[in-house]
C-alpha atoms as a PDB file:
ATOM      1  CA  MET A   1     -44.473  33.420  -1.597  1.00  0.00           C
ATOM      2  CA  SER A   2     -44.150  34.437   2.049  1.00  0.00           C
ATOM      3  CA  LYS A   3     -40.148  35.402   2.620  1.00  0.00           C
ATOM      4  CA  SER A   4     -40.229  32.521   5.378  1.00  0.00           C
ATOM      5  CA  VAL A   5     -40.456  29.906   2.352  1.00  0.00           C
ATOM      6  CA  LEU A   6     -37.763  31.873  -0.092  1.00  0.00           C
ATOM      7  CA  CYS A   7     -35.484  31.672   2.982  1.00  0.00           C
ATOM      8  CA  LYS A   8     -35.457  27.719   2.912  1.00  0.00           C
ATOM      9  CA  ILE A   9     -35.292  27.347  -0.128  1.00  0.00           C
ATOM     10  CA  ILE A  10     -32.216  29.733  -0.603  1.00  0.00           C
ATOM     11  CA  GLY A  11     -30.677  28.203   2.231  1.00  0.00           C
ATOM     12  CA  THR A  12     -30.906  24.920   1.172  1.00  0.00           C
ATOM     13  CA  ALA A  13     -29.043  25.488  -2.273  1.00  0.00           C
ATOM     14  CA  VAL A  14     -26.398  26.959  -0.720  1.00  0.00           C
ATOM     15  CA  LEU A  15     -25.947  23.908   1.951  1.00  0.00           C
ATOM     16  CA  LEU A  16     -26.611  21.526  -1.276  1.00  0.00           C
ATOM     17  CA  GLY A  17     -23.974  23.680  -3.606  1.00  0.00           C
ATOM     18  CA  ALA A  18     -21.284  23.889  -0.536  1.00  0.00           C
ATOM     19  CA  ALA A  19     -21.572  20.012  -0.413  1.00  0.00           C
ATOM     20  CA  THR A  20     -20.743  19.233  -3.924  1.00  0.00           C
ATOM     21  CA  ALA A  21     -17.796  20.906  -2.906  1.00  0.00           C
ATOM     22  CA  ALA A  22     -16.256  18.126  -0.519  1.00  0.00           C
ATOM     23  CA  GLN A  23     -12.555  17.884  -1.202  1.00  0.00           C
ATOM     24  CA  ALA A  24     -11.366  13.795  -1.910  1.00  0.00           C
ATOM     25  CA  SER A  25      -8.129  13.455   0.114  1.00  0.00           C
ATOM     26  CA  PHE A  26      -5.562  10.551  -0.049  1.00  0.00           C
ATOM     27  CA  ILE A  27      -6.233   7.450   1.659  1.00  0.00           C
ATOM     28  CA  GLU A  28      -5.149   3.994   2.553  1.00  0.00           C
ATOM     29  CA  ILE A  29      -5.776   0.614   0.757  1.00  0.00           C
ATOM     30  CA  ASP A  30      -5.276  -2.493   2.403  1.00  0.00           C
ATOM     31  CA  GLU A  31      -6.472  -5.381   1.071  1.00  0.00           C
ATOM     32  CA  VAL A  32      -3.493  -7.878   1.119  1.00  0.00           C
ATOM     33  CA  ARG A  33      -2.571  -9.718   4.756  1.00  0.00           C
ATOM     34  CA  PRO A  34      -0.638  -9.034   6.718  1.00  0.00           C
ATOM     35  CA  TYR A  35      -2.515  -5.629   7.414  1.00  0.00           C
ATOM     36  CA  ASP A  36      -1.545  -2.182   7.744  1.00  0.00           C
ATOM     37  CA  ARG A  37       0.061  -1.530  10.932  1.00  0.00           C
ATOM     38  CA  THR A  38       1.280   2.121  12.543  1.00  0.00           C
ATOM     39  CA  ILE A  39       4.467   2.324  14.372  1.00  0.00           C
ATOM     40  CA  ASP A  40       6.112   5.452  15.748  1.00  0.00           C
ATOM     41  CA  ILE A  41       9.008   6.332  13.441  1.00  0.00           C
ATOM     42  CA  VAL A  42      12.017   4.618  14.847  1.00  0.00           C
ATOM     43  CA  PRO A  43      14.635   6.323  16.517  1.00  0.00           C
ATOM     44  CA  SER A  44      17.569   5.207  13.233  1.00  0.00           C
ATOM     45  CA  ASN A  45      15.454   6.857  11.365  1.00  0.00           C
ATOM     46  CA  ASN A  46      17.915   9.814  10.140  1.00  0.00           C
ATOM     47  CA  PHE A  47      15.496  12.442   9.868  1.00  0.00           C
ATOM     48  CA  ARG A  48      12.916  11.139  12.949  1.00  0.00           C
ATOM     49  CA  GLY A  49      13.750  15.072  14.844  1.00  0.00           C
ATOM     50  CA  THR A  50      13.017  17.071  11.722  1.00  0.00           C
ATOM     51  CA  LEU A  51       9.672  15.189  11.190  1.00  0.00           C
ATOM     52  CA  ALA A  52       8.332  15.648  14.750  1.00  0.00           C
ATOM     53  CA  GLY A  53       8.573  18.765  13.935  1.00  0.00           C
ATOM     54  CA  LEU A  54       6.428  18.741  11.090  1.00  0.00           C
ATOM     55  CA  GLY A  55       3.931  16.770  13.015  1.00  0.00           C
ATOM     56  CA  ILE A  56       5.216  13.364  11.686  1.00  0.00           C
ATOM     57  CA  THR A  57       6.319  10.760  14.221  1.00  0.00           C
ATOM     58  CA  SER A  58       4.765   7.378  12.857  1.00  0.00           C
ATOM     59  CA  TYR A  59       3.995   5.858   9.905  1.00  0.00           C
ATOM     60  CA  THR A  60       2.280   2.873   8.369  1.00  0.00           C
ATOM     61  CA  LEU A  61       3.505  -0.109   6.600  1.00  0.00           C
ATOM     62  CA  GLY A  62       1.310  -3.069   5.081  1.00  0.00           C
ATOM     63  CA  ALA A  63      -0.771  -0.422   2.280  1.00  0.00           C
ATOM     64  CA  SER A  64      -1.237   0.949  -0.710  1.00  0.00           C
ATOM     65  CA  LEU A  65      -1.976   4.703  -1.133  1.00  0.00           C
ATOM     66  CA  GLY A  66      -4.880   5.971  -3.706  1.00  0.00           C
ATOM     67  CA  THR A  67      -7.098   9.106  -3.712  1.00  0.00           C
ATOM     68  CA  ALA A  68     -10.441   9.177  -2.990  1.00  0.00           C
ATOM     69  CA  GLY A  69     -11.630  10.790  -6.121  1.00  0.00           C
ATOM     70  CA  ALA A  70      -9.735  12.398  -9.476  1.00  0.00           C
ATOM     71  CA  GLY A  71      -7.627  15.120  -9.202  1.00  0.00           C
ATOM     72  CA  SER A  72      -3.579  15.955  -9.776  1.00  0.00           C
ATOM     73  CA  VAL A  73      -0.821  14.670  -7.574  1.00  0.00           C
ATOM     74  CA  THR A  74       2.782  16.799  -7.604  1.00  0.00           C
ATOM     75  CA  TYR A  75       5.820  14.820  -5.948  1.00  0.00           C
ATOM     76  CA  TYR A  76       8.825  16.231  -3.773  1.00  0.00           C
ATOM     77  CA  TYR A  77      11.649  14.307  -2.847  1.00  0.00           C
ATOM     78  CA  TYR A  78      13.286  15.612   0.250  1.00  0.00           C
ATOM     79  CA  GLY A  79      16.262  13.468   0.869  1.00  0.00           C
ATOM     80  CA  LYS A  80      18.162   9.931   1.915  1.00  0.00           C
ATOM     81  CA  GLU A  81      20.629   8.319   3.951  1.00  0.00           C
ATOM     82  CA  ALA A  82      21.695   5.477   2.019  1.00  0.00           C
ATOM     83  CA  GLY A  83      24.839   3.961   0.380  1.00  0.00           C
ATOM     84  CA  TYR A  84      22.502   2.406  -2.304  1.00  0.00           C
ATOM     85  CA  ARG A  85      21.266   4.731  -5.436  1.00  0.00           C
ATOM     86  CA  ASN A  86      17.399   4.887  -5.154  1.00  0.00           C
ATOM     87  CA  ASP A  87      15.551   5.690  -8.168  1.00  0.00           C
ATOM     88  CA  PHE A  88      11.755   6.580  -7.439  1.00  0.00           C
ATOM     89  CA  TRP A  89       9.088   7.147 -10.484  1.00  0.00           C
ATOM     90  CA  ALA A  90       5.610   7.887 -10.935  1.00  0.00           C
ATOM     91  CA  GLU A  91       3.766   7.000 -14.217  1.00  0.00           C
ATOM     92  CA  GLY A  92       6.000   9.246 -16.902  1.00  0.00           C
ATOM     93  CA  LEU A  93       8.171  10.990 -13.885  1.00  0.00           C
ATOM     94  CA  SER A  94      11.462   9.361 -12.513  1.00  0.00           C
ATOM     95  CA  TYR A  95      14.013  10.842  -9.721  1.00  0.00           C
ATOM     96  CA  SER A  96      17.123   9.436  -8.535  1.00  0.00           C
ATOM     97  CA  THR A  97      19.129  10.118  -5.676  1.00  0.00           C
ATOM     98  CA  GLY A  98      22.630   9.043  -7.315  1.00  0.00           C
ATOM     99  CA  PHE A  99      25.667   7.042  -5.482  1.00  0.00           C
ATOM    100  CA  ASN A 100      26.690   9.991  -3.755  1.00  0.00           C
ATOM    101  CA  PRO A 101      26.105  11.618  -1.449  1.00  0.00           C
ATOM    102  CA  THR A 102      25.443   9.019   0.666  1.00  0.00           C
ATOM    103  CA  TYR A 103      23.539  11.500   3.312  1.00  0.00           C
ATOM    104  CA  GLN A 104      21.032  14.213   1.425  1.00  0.00           C
ATOM    105  CA  ASP A 105      18.730  17.051   3.238  1.00  0.00           C
ATOM    106  CA  ARG A 106      16.473  18.741   1.608  1.00  0.00           C
ATOM    107  CA  PHE A 107      14.119  19.481   3.929  1.00  0.00           C
ATOM    108  CA  GLY A 108      14.598  23.514   3.707  1.00  0.00           C
ATOM    109  CA  ASN A 109      14.938  23.364  -0.354  1.00  0.00           C
ATOM    110  CA  PRO A 110      12.705  20.175  -1.374  1.00  0.00           C
ATOM    111  CA  TYR A 111      13.527  19.155  -5.061  1.00  0.00           C
ATOM    112  CA  GLU A 112      10.404  18.920  -7.477  1.00  0.00           C
ATOM    113  CA  ILE A 113      10.066  15.936  -9.350  1.00  0.00           C
ATOM    114  CA  GLY A 114       6.693  16.463 -11.372  1.00  0.00           C
ATOM    115  CA  THR A 115       2.735  16.200 -11.040  1.00  0.00           C
ATOM    116  CA  VAL A 116       0.402  13.572 -12.554  1.00  0.00           C
ATOM    117  CA  ASP A 117      -3.226  13.627 -12.985  1.00  0.00           C
ATOM    118  CA  VAL A 118      -5.102  10.912 -10.927  1.00  0.00           C
ATOM    119  CA  ASP A 119      -8.870   9.778 -11.488  1.00  0.00           C
ATOM    120  CA  GLY A 120      -8.860   8.276  -8.348  1.00  0.00           C
ATOM    121  CA  GLY A 121      -8.017   4.885  -6.605  1.00  0.00           C
ATOM    122  CA  LEU A 122      -4.528   3.061  -6.324  1.00  0.00           C
ATOM    123  CA  LEU A 123      -1.771   5.343  -7.258  1.00  0.00           C
ATOM    124  CA  ASP A 124       0.754   4.066  -9.836  1.00  0.00           C
ATOM    125  CA  PHE A 125       4.220   4.705  -8.170  1.00  0.00           C
ATOM    126  CA  GLY A 126       7.169   2.391  -7.099  1.00  0.00           C
ATOM    127  CA  PHE A 127      10.609   3.274  -5.773  1.00  0.00           C
ATOM    128  CA  CYS A 128      13.823   0.884  -7.087  1.00  0.00           C
ATOM    129  CA  ALA A 129      17.280   0.361  -5.189  1.00  0.00           C
ATOM    130  CA  LEU A 130      20.549  -0.110  -6.983  1.00  0.00           C
ATOM    131  CA  SER A 131      23.871  -1.257  -5.654  1.00  0.00           C
ATOM    132  CA  GLY A 132      26.355  -0.730  -8.071  1.00  0.00           C
ATOM    133  CA  PRO A 133      25.396   1.199 -11.776  1.00  0.00           C
ATOM    134  CA  TYR A 134      24.111  -2.111 -13.235  1.00  0.00           C
ATOM    135  CA  SER A 135      23.511  -3.888 -10.343  1.00  0.00           C
ATOM    136  CA  LEU A 136      19.620  -3.717  -8.697  1.00  0.00           C
ATOM    137  CA  VAL A 137      19.071  -4.773  -5.530  1.00  0.00           C
ATOM    138  CA  GLY A 138      14.798  -4.845  -6.353  1.00  0.00           C
ATOM    139  CA  CYS A 139      11.907  -2.781  -6.966  1.00  0.00           C
ATOM    140  CA  LEU A 140       8.806  -2.182  -5.223  1.00  0.00           C
ATOM    141  CA  SER A 141       5.624  -1.136  -6.281  1.00  0.00           C
ATOM    142  CA  ASN A 142       2.901   1.030  -4.555  1.00  0.00           C
ATOM    143  CA  ALA A 143       0.515  -1.957  -5.289  1.00  0.00           C
ATOM    144  CA  GLN A 144       3.348  -4.464  -3.757  1.00  0.00           C
ATOM    145  CA  ASN A 145       3.135  -2.773  -0.920  1.00  0.00           C
ATOM    146  CA  ASP A 146       0.197  -3.497   0.389  1.00  0.00           C
ATOM    147  CA  GLY A 147       0.939  -6.877   2.299  1.00  0.00           C
ATOM    148  CA  ARG A 148       5.319  -5.608   2.811  1.00  0.00           C
ATOM    149  CA  GLY A 149       4.838  -6.098   6.624  1.00  0.00           C
ATOM    150  CA  LEU A 150       7.004  -4.891   9.187  1.00  0.00           C
ATOM    151  CA  TYR A 151      10.892  -6.211   9.130  1.00  0.00           C
ATOM    152  CA  SER A 152      10.169  -6.946   5.086  1.00  0.00           C
ATOM    153  CA  TRP A 153      13.582  -6.830   3.320  1.00  0.00           C
ATOM    154  CA  GLN A 154      11.938  -4.098   1.107  1.00  0.00           C
ATOM    155  CA  SER A 155       9.194  -1.819   2.011  1.00  0.00           C
ATOM    156  CA  ILE A 156       7.496   1.808   2.016  1.00  0.00           C
ATOM    157  CA  ALA A 157       5.892   3.506   4.974  1.00  0.00           C
ATOM    158  CA  MET A 158       3.453   6.135   4.642  1.00  0.00           C
ATOM    159  CA  SER A 159       2.138   8.727   6.299  1.00  0.00           C
ATOM    160  CA  ILE A 160      -0.571  10.722   5.830  1.00  0.00           C
ATOM    161  CA  ILE A 161      -1.289  14.196   7.100  1.00  0.00           C
ATOM    162  CA  GLY A 162      -3.978  16.339   4.913  1.00  0.00           C
ATOM    163  CA  ASN A 163      -3.376  16.793   1.459  1.00  0.00           C
ATOM    164  CA  SER A 164      -0.233  15.047   1.909  1.00  0.00           C
ATOM    165  CA  ALA A 165       0.946  12.094   2.136  1.00  0.00           C
ATOM    166  CA  TRP A 166       4.839  11.215   3.163  1.00  0.00           C
ATOM    167  CA  LEU A 167       6.344   8.446   1.652  1.00  0.00           C
ATOM    168  CA  PHE A 168       9.484   6.548   2.898  1.00  0.00           C
ATOM    169  CA  TRP A 169      11.403   4.063   1.348  1.00  0.00           C
ATOM    170  CA  ASP A 170      13.873   1.098   2.929  1.00  0.00           C
ATOM    171  CA  ASP A 171      15.459  -0.359   0.264  1.00  0.00           C
ATOM    172  CA  SER A 172      16.889  -3.458   2.342  1.00  0.00           C
ATOM    173  CA  GLY A 173      17.239  -3.134   5.660  1.00  0.00           C
ATOM    174  CA  ALA A 174      14.981  -5.385   7.722  1.00  0.00           C
ATOM    175  CA  GLY A 175      15.709  -6.044  11.147  1.00  0.00           C
ATOM    176  CA  PRO A 176      17.460  -3.399  12.871  1.00  0.00           C
ATOM    177  CA  ASP A 177      18.347  -1.066   9.520  1.00  0.00           C
ATOM    178  CA  ASP A 178      14.557  -1.321   9.350  1.00  0.00           C
ATOM    179  CA  ASN A 179      14.119   3.079   9.591  1.00  0.00           C
ATOM    180  CA  HIS A 180      12.649   3.656   6.115  1.00  0.00           C
ATOM    181  CA  ASP A 181      15.233   6.989   6.105  1.00  0.00           C
ATOM    182  CA  ASP A 182      16.610   5.412   2.417  1.00  0.00           C
ATOM    183  CA  MET A 183      14.815   7.789   0.717  1.00  0.00           C
ATOM    184  CA  ILE A 184      11.802  10.216   1.638  1.00  0.00           C
ATOM    185  CA  ILE A 185       9.017  11.636  -1.077  1.00  0.00           C
ATOM    186  CA  ARG A 186       6.099  13.465  -0.342  1.00  0.00           C
ATOM    187  CA  ALA A 187       3.113  13.417  -2.494  1.00  0.00           C
ATOM    188  CA  VAL A 188       0.236  16.617  -2.479  1.00  0.00           C
ATOM    189  CA  PHE A 189      -2.851  15.925  -3.648  1.00  0.00           C
ATOM    190  CA  THR A 190      -5.324  18.574  -5.661  1.00  0.00           C
ATOM    191  CA  PRO A 191      -8.617  17.950  -5.721  1.00  0.00           C
ATOM    192  CA  ALA A 192     -10.112  18.394  -9.380  1.00  0.00           C
ATOM    193  CA  THR A 193     -12.504  20.823  -9.306  1.00  0.00           C
ATOM    194  CA  THR A 194     -16.190  19.738  -8.600  1.00  0.00           C
ATOM    195  CA  VAL A 195     -19.071  20.274 -10.607  1.00  0.00           C
ATOM    196  CA  PRO A 196     -22.330  20.317  -9.408  1.00  0.00           C
ATOM    197  CA  GLU A 197     -25.182  17.789  -9.981  1.00  0.00           C
ATOM    198  CA  PRO A 198     -27.952  18.914 -11.723  1.00  0.00           C
ATOM    199  CA  ALA A 199     -30.193  18.826  -9.230  1.00  0.00           C
ATOM    200  CA  THR A 200     -28.047  20.928  -7.446  1.00  0.00           C
ATOM    201  CA  LEU A 201     -28.004  23.568 -10.063  1.00  0.00           C
ATOM    202  CA  ALA A 202     -31.913  22.934 -10.405  1.00  0.00           C
ATOM    203  CA  LEU A 203     -32.014  23.418  -6.534  1.00  0.00           C
ATOM    204  CA  PHE A 204     -29.728  26.696  -6.977  1.00  0.00           C
ATOM    205  CA  GLY A 205     -32.121  28.193  -9.879  1.00  0.00           C
ATOM    206  CA  LEU A 206     -35.045  27.814  -7.698  1.00  0.00           C
ATOM    207  CA  GLY A 207     -33.653  29.902  -4.915  1.00  0.00           C
ATOM    208  CA  LEU A 208     -32.601  32.430  -7.510  1.00  0.00           C
ATOM    209  CA  LEU A 209     -36.482  32.465  -8.988  1.00  0.00           C
ATOM    210  CA  GLY A 210     -37.261  33.086  -5.799  1.00  0.00           C
ATOM    211  CA  ILE A 211     -35.142  36.434  -5.434  1.00  0.00           C
ATOM    212  CA  GLY A 212     -36.135  37.410  -8.315  1.00  0.00           C
ATOM    213  CA  LEU A 213     -39.854  36.761  -7.291  1.00  0.00           C
ATOM    214  CA  ALA A 214     -39.227  38.278  -3.583  1.00  0.00           C
ATOM    215  CA  ARG A 215     -37.700  41.926  -5.505  1.00  0.00           C
ATOM    216  CA  THR A 216     -40.527  41.876  -8.118  1.00  0.00           C
ATOM    217  CA  ARG A 217     -42.867  41.765  -5.023  1.00  0.00           C
ATOM    218  CA  ARG A 218     -40.881  44.899  -3.105  1.00  0.00           C
ATOM    219  CA  ASN A 219     -40.810  46.904  -6.273  1.00  0.00           C
ATOM    220  CA  LYS A 220     -44.839  46.791  -6.321  1.00  0.00           C
ATOM    221  CA  ALA A 221     -45.480  47.330  -3.239  1.00  0.00           C
END
């Protein structure tokens, strides 16, 4: 086996191995009219300047959030501007803002709600708003958000940046107050460890065999 052939075998194995390490990410799922619409974060959003400093200047409405593969999602609470109590839930996790204070900024010290394992596809989470201890204003799940367009009575706006998805809840503010700052959640996705496919493992083995043959010939020489 020539040296050039050995190099090609090893190079192919390495490239295919690297391909299996490709990471999944957050995705938007949009199957229901009205279709998704991305807009600039409105001036009345109380966290607009802070978000701009993080490179977040727009968000999308009318879509649901999912992941392109298996892994885990960790949720963080960042703040609110709302007189209502707003609750966030994700599978077995939950967090409530309470009624007071009506404004809370935790961008410097976000609260970690917890981590859930995901298989890929649509994520299971949602928000609820209460005007009093026993007065439910309404709830909205991630699945229901697909189809909630601009100026919907309740909606979740989202912005995906890398492995993070920012979720902006609007608890009942259609019209001028449609600013999506009533509760802000950040989701961070960690993909599952990728296991190489059998064909890739075979190529790695062939590459190692080639290295062994080359060493044997060199030793004999």
